Amino acid sequence: LTRAEVNTTNKLRYLTKQIVKFKYLTMASASINFARRSMVQAMRSSGPAMSSKTFGSVRLMSTYYTPAHEYCKVDGNIATIGITDFAQAALGDIVFVDLPDLDDEFEAKESFGSVESVKAASDVYAPISGKVLEVNEALTDEPGLVNTSAETDAWFIKLELGEDGESELGGLMGAVEYKEHCEKEAH
């Protein structure tokens, strides 16, 4: 073999190895993506019962709702709580939000604060039991944030789930159930 043929043969071997590596990585990536999609589909199809389960020691991010229009976004053992977009729309322009102090503890269905609008005032209830870890101080200065970002930036409190957190979450509605609840209330 000439030197050029040897170089070509070596390049072909190198490229063949690279193709094999690429195929392996592509197959591995496809398997991981399939597993992710399967898990998400399983969670969606089984509703809140599946989405509230703990996988290992990590609970996947899940959102729950009360009939009184509070939401509870759970990530691990921390629940972010506020009022839903449906609630803020019913209240109208929010002018005042009363929030608890850090380290206050609440039982599920206990009032932890209130919201006042140009139309009405309403208590806000804890969907689950827990201890207040954080309060959204931005709402003190800008209560109208609830009207523009009710379920994102305008959260009220963050609670550490209490002992009964898992069972209390089971009594709340998932997204599909809550949507149906709102549609019934709207009619």
C-alpha atoms as a PDB file:
ATOM      1  CA  LEU A   1       0.000   0.000   0.000  1.00  0.00           C
ATOM      2  CA  THR A   2       1.115   3.481  -0.753  1.00  0.00           C
ATOM      3  CA  ARG A   3       1.352   6.128   1.943  1.00  0.00           C
ATOM      4  CA  ALA A   4      -1.785   7.842   0.573  1.00  0.00           C
ATOM      5  CA  GLU A   5      -3.734   4.573   0.714  1.00  0.00           C
ATOM      6  CA  VAL A   6      -2.617   3.984   4.335  1.00  0.00           C
ATOM      7  CA  ASN A   7      -3.729   7.517   5.280  1.00  0.00           C
ATOM      8  CA  THR A   8      -7.075   6.963   3.572  1.00  0.00           C
ATOM      9  CA  THR A   9      -7.537   3.621   5.349  1.00  0.00           C
ATOM     10  CA  ASN A  10      -6.723   5.205   8.724  1.00  0.00           C
ATOM     11  CA  LYS A  11      -9.159   8.053   8.059  1.00  0.00           C
ATOM     12  CA  LEU A  12     -11.879   5.555   7.150  1.00  0.00           C
ATOM     13  CA  ARG A  13     -11.262   3.617  10.377  1.00  0.00           C
ATOM     14  CA  TYR A  14     -11.422   6.856  12.394  1.00  0.00           C
ATOM     15  CA  LEU A  15     -14.653   7.930  10.671  1.00  0.00           C
ATOM     16  CA  THR A  16     -16.187   4.494  11.211  1.00  0.00           C
ATOM     17  CA  LYS A  17     -15.420   4.723  14.950  1.00  0.00           C
ATOM     18  CA  GLN A  18     -16.958   8.221  15.068  1.00  0.00           C
ATOM     19  CA  ILE A  19     -20.110   6.988  13.310  1.00  0.00           C
ATOM     20  CA  VAL A  20     -20.446   4.125  15.793  1.00  0.00           C
ATOM     21  CA  LYS A  21     -20.049   6.565  18.720  1.00  0.00           C
ATOM     22  CA  PHE A  22     -22.616   8.920  17.178  1.00  0.00           C
ATOM     23  CA  LYS A  23     -25.113   6.070  16.693  1.00  0.00           C
ATOM     24  CA  TYR A  24     -24.609   4.983  20.304  1.00  0.00           C
ATOM     25  CA  LEU A  25     -25.120   8.522  21.623  1.00  0.00           C
ATOM     26  CA  THR A  26     -28.159   9.035  19.394  1.00  0.00           C
ATOM     27  CA  MET A  27     -29.712   5.788  20.601  1.00  0.00           C
ATOM     28  CA  ALA A  28     -28.997   6.645  24.247  1.00  0.00           C
ATOM     29  CA  SER A  29     -30.458  10.130  23.806  1.00  0.00           C
ATOM     30  CA  ALA A  30     -33.549   8.707  22.134  1.00  0.00           C
ATOM     31  CA  SER A  31     -34.007   6.240  25.006  1.00  0.00           C
ATOM     32  CA  ILE A  32     -33.756   9.002  27.602  1.00  0.00           C
ATOM     33  CA  ASN A  33     -36.224  11.201  25.706  1.00  0.00           C
ATOM     34  CA  PHE A  34     -38.630   8.261  25.337  1.00  0.00           C
ATOM     35  CA  ALA A  35     -38.435   7.586  29.078  1.00  0.00           C
ATOM     36  CA  ARG A  36     -39.103  11.251  29.879  1.00  0.00           C
ATOM     37  CA  ARG A  37     -42.084  11.385  27.516  1.00  0.00           C
ATOM     38  CA  SER A  38     -43.471   8.137  28.932  1.00  0.00           C
ATOM     39  CA  MET A  39     -43.224   9.406  32.505  1.00  0.00           C
ATOM     40  CA  VAL A  40     -44.896  12.723  31.643  1.00  0.00           C
ATOM     41  CA  GLN A  41     -47.681  10.934  29.735  1.00  0.00           C
ATOM     42  CA  ALA A  42     -48.235   8.562  32.660  1.00  0.00           C
ATOM     43  CA  MET A  43     -48.472  11.482  35.069  1.00  0.00           C
ATOM     44  CA  ARG A  44     -50.892  13.372  32.846  1.00  0.00           C
ATOM     45  CA  SER A  45     -53.140  10.397  32.247  1.00  0.00           C
ATOM     46  CA  SER A  46     -53.407   9.433  35.898  1.00  0.00           C
ATOM     47  CA  GLY A  47     -54.246  12.916  37.204  1.00  0.00           C
ATOM     48  CA  PRO A  48     -53.337  14.361  40.598  1.00  0.00           C
ATOM     49  CA  ALA A  49     -53.002  10.994  42.340  1.00  0.00           C
ATOM     50  CA  MET A  50     -49.930  10.155  40.243  1.00  0.00           C
ATOM     51  CA  SER A  51     -48.552  13.693  40.185  1.00  0.00           C
ATOM     52  CA  SER A  52     -48.495  13.895  43.977  1.00  0.00           C
ATOM     53  CA  LYS A  53     -46.427  10.732  44.396  1.00  0.00           C
ATOM     54  CA  THR A  54     -42.846  10.930  45.425  1.00  0.00           C
ATOM     55  CA  PHE A  55     -40.257   9.331  43.151  1.00  0.00           C
ATOM     56  CA  GLY A  56     -37.350   8.384  45.374  1.00  0.00           C
ATOM     57  CA  SER A  57     -36.983  11.381  47.652  1.00  0.00           C
ATOM     58  CA  VAL A  58     -37.949  14.028  45.100  1.00  0.00           C
ATOM     59  CA  ARG A  59     -41.526  15.061  44.349  1.00  0.00           C
ATOM     60  CA  LEU A  60     -42.036  16.344  40.832  1.00  0.00           C
ATOM     61  CA  MET A  61     -43.417  19.888  40.484  1.00  0.00           C
ATOM     62  CA  SER A  62     -47.224  19.677  40.711  1.00  0.00           C
ATOM     63  CA  THR A  63     -50.025  22.233  40.951  1.00  0.00           C
ATOM     64  CA  TYR A  64     -53.223  21.720  42.947  1.00  0.00           C
ATOM     65  CA  TYR A  65     -56.333  23.853  43.379  1.00  0.00           C
ATOM     66  CA  THR A  66     -59.064  24.429  45.978  1.00  0.00           C
ATOM     67  CA  PRO A  67     -62.761  25.045  45.290  1.00  0.00           C
ATOM     68  CA  ALA A  68     -62.215  28.524  46.791  1.00  0.00           C
ATOM     69  CA  HIS A  69     -59.698  29.300  43.984  1.00  0.00           C
ATOM     70  CA  GLU A  70     -56.384  29.082  45.800  1.00  0.00           C
ATOM     71  CA  TYR A  71     -53.529  27.317  44.031  1.00  0.00           C
ATOM     72  CA  CYS A  72     -50.759  25.274  45.582  1.00  0.00           C
ATOM     73  CA  LYS A  73     -47.629  24.620  43.503  1.00  0.00           C
ATOM     74  CA  VAL A  74     -45.614  21.898  45.199  1.00  0.00           C
ATOM     75  CA  ASP A  75     -41.935  21.326  44.542  1.00  0.00           C
ATOM     76  CA  GLY A  76     -40.349  18.852  46.938  1.00  0.00           C
ATOM     77  CA  ASN A  77     -41.665  19.779  50.384  1.00  0.00           C
ATOM     78  CA  ILE A  78     -42.279  23.465  49.544  1.00  0.00           C
ATOM     79  CA  ALA A  79     -45.695  24.737  48.471  1.00  0.00           C
ATOM     80  CA  THR A  80     -46.113  28.108  46.762  1.00  0.00           C
ATOM     81  CA  ILE A  81     -49.623  29.407  47.441  1.00  0.00           C
ATOM     82  CA  GLY A  82     -51.732  32.205  45.973  1.00  0.00           C
ATOM     83  CA  ILE A  83     -55.059  32.893  44.323  1.00  0.00           C
ATOM     84  CA  THR A  84     -55.886  31.754  40.812  1.00  0.00           C
ATOM     85  CA  ASP A  85     -56.469  33.865  37.759  1.00  0.00           C
ATOM     86  CA  PHE A  86     -60.173  32.976  38.012  1.00  0.00           C
ATOM     87  CA  ALA A  87     -60.270  34.454  41.556  1.00  0.00           C
ATOM     88  CA  GLN A  88     -58.488  37.684  40.649  1.00  0.00           C
ATOM     89  CA  ALA A  89     -60.808  38.197  37.676  1.00  0.00           C
ATOM     90  CA  ALA A  90     -63.849  37.756  39.924  1.00  0.00           C
ATOM     91  CA  LEU A  91     -62.468  40.193  42.512  1.00  0.00           C
ATOM     92  CA  GLY A  92     -61.534  42.948  40.056  1.00  0.00           C
ATOM     93  CA  ASP A  93     -58.777  45.475  40.749  1.00  0.00           C
ATOM     94  CA  ILE A  94     -56.825  44.331  43.829  1.00  0.00           C
ATOM     95  CA  VAL A  95     -55.942  47.243  46.133  1.00  0.00           C
ATOM     96  CA  PHE A  96     -54.625  45.483  49.269  1.00  0.00           C
ATOM     97  CA  VAL A  97     -53.135  42.119  50.240  1.00  0.00           C
ATOM     98  CA  ASP A  98     -52.744  41.102  53.893  1.00  0.00           C
ATOM     99  CA  LEU A  99     -50.107  38.400  54.434  1.00  0.00           C
ATOM    100  CA  PRO A 100     -48.917  36.431  57.500  1.00  0.00           C
ATOM    101  CA  ASP A 101     -45.560  36.628  59.242  1.00  0.00           C
ATOM    102  CA  LEU A 102     -42.619  34.308  58.646  1.00  0.00           C
ATOM    103  CA  ASP A 103     -42.707  31.131  60.743  1.00  0.00           C
ATOM    104  CA  ASP A 104     -46.488  31.337  61.273  1.00  0.00           C
ATOM    105  CA  GLU A 105     -48.090  27.901  61.098  1.00  0.00           C
ATOM    106  CA  PHE A 106     -51.450  27.127  59.523  1.00  0.00           C
ATOM    107  CA  GLU A 107     -53.727  24.138  59.288  1.00  0.00           C
ATOM    108  CA  ALA A 108     -55.353  23.229  55.980  1.00  0.00           C
ATOM    109  CA  LYS A 109     -58.442  25.373  55.272  1.00  0.00           C
ATOM    110  CA  GLU A 110     -57.359  27.999  57.834  1.00  0.00           C
ATOM    111  CA  SER A 111     -57.329  31.653  56.750  1.00  0.00           C
ATOM    112  CA  PHE A 112     -53.795  33.016  56.440  1.00  0.00           C
ATOM    113  CA  GLY A 113     -54.531  36.414  54.892  1.00  0.00           C
ATOM    114  CA  SER A 114     -56.938  38.458  52.860  1.00  0.00           C
ATOM    115  CA  VAL A 115     -57.328  40.250  49.561  1.00  0.00           C
ATOM    116  CA  GLU A 116     -59.230  43.489  49.073  1.00  0.00           C
ATOM    117  CA  SER A 117     -60.403  44.808  45.745  1.00  0.00           C
ATOM    118  CA  VAL A 118     -62.562  47.693  44.589  1.00  0.00           C
ATOM    119  CA  LYS A 119     -65.486  45.204  44.601  1.00  0.00           C
ATOM    120  CA  ALA A 120     -64.994  43.098  47.734  1.00  0.00           C
ATOM    121  CA  ALA A 121     -62.727  41.657  50.401  1.00  0.00           C
ATOM    122  CA  SER A 122     -61.985  37.969  50.673  1.00  0.00           C
ATOM    123  CA  ASP A 123     -60.066  35.723  53.039  1.00  0.00           C
ATOM    124  CA  VAL A 124     -57.365  33.492  51.569  1.00  0.00           C
ATOM    125  CA  TYR A 125     -57.080  29.954  52.950  1.00  0.00           C
ATOM    126  CA  ALA A 126     -54.170  27.553  53.245  1.00  0.00           C
ATOM    127  CA  PRO A 127     -54.811  24.553  50.963  1.00  0.00           C
ATOM    128  CA  ILE A 128     -52.502  22.449  53.155  1.00  0.00           C
ATOM    129  CA  SER A 129     -50.977  22.571  56.630  1.00  0.00           C
ATOM    130  CA  GLY A 130     -47.522  24.010  57.025  1.00  0.00           C
ATOM    131  CA  LYS A 131     -45.112  26.648  58.252  1.00  0.00           C
ATOM    132  CA  VAL A 132     -44.559  29.955  56.395  1.00  0.00           C
ATOM    133  CA  LEU A 133     -41.037  30.035  54.979  1.00  0.00           C
ATOM    134  CA  GLU A 134     -41.398  33.066  52.721  1.00  0.00           C
ATOM    135  CA  VAL A 135     -43.853  35.914  52.106  1.00  0.00           C
ATOM    136  CA  ASN A 136     -44.116  37.789  48.796  1.00  0.00           C
ATOM    137  CA  GLU A 137     -43.314  41.306  50.055  1.00  0.00           C
ATOM    138  CA  ALA A 138     -43.761  42.697  46.526  1.00  0.00           C
ATOM    139  CA  LEU A 139     -47.542  42.431  47.032  1.00  0.00           C
ATOM    140  CA  THR A 140     -47.408  44.890  49.943  1.00  0.00           C
ATOM    141  CA  ASP A 141     -46.142  47.660  47.650  1.00  0.00           C
ATOM    142  CA  GLU A 142     -47.845  46.468  44.471  1.00  0.00           C
ATOM    143  CA  PRO A 143     -51.065  44.527  45.204  1.00  0.00           C
ATOM    144  CA  GLY A 144     -52.194  45.018  41.582  1.00  0.00           C
ATOM    145  CA  LEU A 145     -49.539  42.482  40.592  1.00  0.00           C
ATOM    146  CA  VAL A 146     -52.167  39.869  41.517  1.00  0.00           C
ATOM    147  CA  ASN A 147     -54.292  41.109  38.598  1.00  0.00           C
ATOM    148  CA  THR A 148     -51.491  40.770  36.070  1.00  0.00           C
ATOM    149  CA  SER A 149     -49.558  37.717  37.344  1.00  0.00           C
ATOM    150  CA  ALA A 150     -51.843  35.841  39.743  1.00  0.00           C
ATOM    151  CA  GLU A 151     -50.332  32.396  39.233  1.00  0.00           C
ATOM    152  CA  THR A 152     -46.717  33.391  38.645  1.00  0.00           C
ATOM    153  CA  ASP A 153     -45.074  36.463  40.207  1.00  0.00           C
ATOM    154  CA  ALA A 154     -47.984  37.266  42.549  1.00  0.00           C
ATOM    155  CA  TRP A 155     -47.755  34.208  44.800  1.00  0.00           C
ATOM    156  CA  PHE A 156     -48.638  34.979  48.422  1.00  0.00           C
ATOM    157  CA  ILE A 157     -46.630  32.615  50.620  1.00  0.00           C
ATOM    158  CA  LYS A 158     -44.331  29.612  50.531  1.00  0.00           C
ATOM    159  CA  LEU A 159     -45.112  26.892  53.061  1.00  0.00           C
ATOM    160  CA  GLU A 160     -43.089  23.941  54.219  1.00  0.00           C
ATOM    161  CA  LEU A 161     -45.480  20.998  54.021  1.00  0.00           C
ATOM    162  CA  GLY A 162     -46.673  19.734  57.376  1.00  0.00           C
ATOM    163  CA  GLU A 163     -46.941  16.105  58.487  1.00  0.00           C
ATOM    164  CA  ASP A 164     -50.287  15.655  56.721  1.00  0.00           C
ATOM    165  CA  GLY A 165     -49.152  17.336  53.511  1.00  0.00           C
ATOM    166  CA  GLU A 166     -49.312  14.229  51.324  1.00  0.00           C
ATOM    167  CA  SER A 167     -52.848  13.297  52.387  1.00  0.00           C
ATOM    168  CA  GLU A 168     -54.056  16.922  52.185  1.00  0.00           C
ATOM    169  CA  LEU A 169     -52.769  17.214  48.620  1.00  0.00           C
ATOM    170  CA  GLY A 170     -54.836  14.163  47.723  1.00  0.00           C
ATOM    171  CA  GLY A 171     -57.979  16.124  48.644  1.00  0.00           C
ATOM    172  CA  LEU A 172     -57.226  18.979  46.232  1.00  0.00           C
ATOM    173  CA  MET A 173     -58.102  19.260  42.543  1.00  0.00           C
ATOM    174  CA  GLY A 174     -55.737  18.788  39.620  1.00  0.00           C
ATOM    175  CA  ALA A 175     -55.716  21.138  36.615  1.00  0.00           C
ATOM    176  CA  VAL A 176     -58.414  19.282  34.665  1.00  0.00           C
ATOM    177  CA  GLU A 177     -60.754  19.067  37.661  1.00  0.00           C
ATOM    178  CA  TYR A 178     -60.193  22.729  38.478  1.00  0.00           C
ATOM    179  CA  LYS A 179     -60.935  23.810  34.916  1.00  0.00           C
ATOM    180  CA  GLU A 180     -64.229  21.889  35.052  1.00  0.00           C
ATOM    181  CA  HIS A 181     -64.985  23.471  38.452  1.00  0.00           C
ATOM    182  CA  CYS A 182     -64.465  26.977  37.022  1.00  0.00           C
ATOM    183  CA  GLU A 183     -66.614  26.221  33.982  1.00  0.00           C
ATOM    184  CA  LYS A 184     -69.473  25.117  36.270  1.00  0.00           C
ATOM    185  CA  GLU A 185     -69.120  28.274  38.384  1.00  0.00           C
ATOM    186  CA  ALA A 186     -69.082  30.483  35.295  1.00  0.00           C
ATOM    187  CA  HIS A 187     -72.518  29.173  34.193  1.00  0.00           C
END
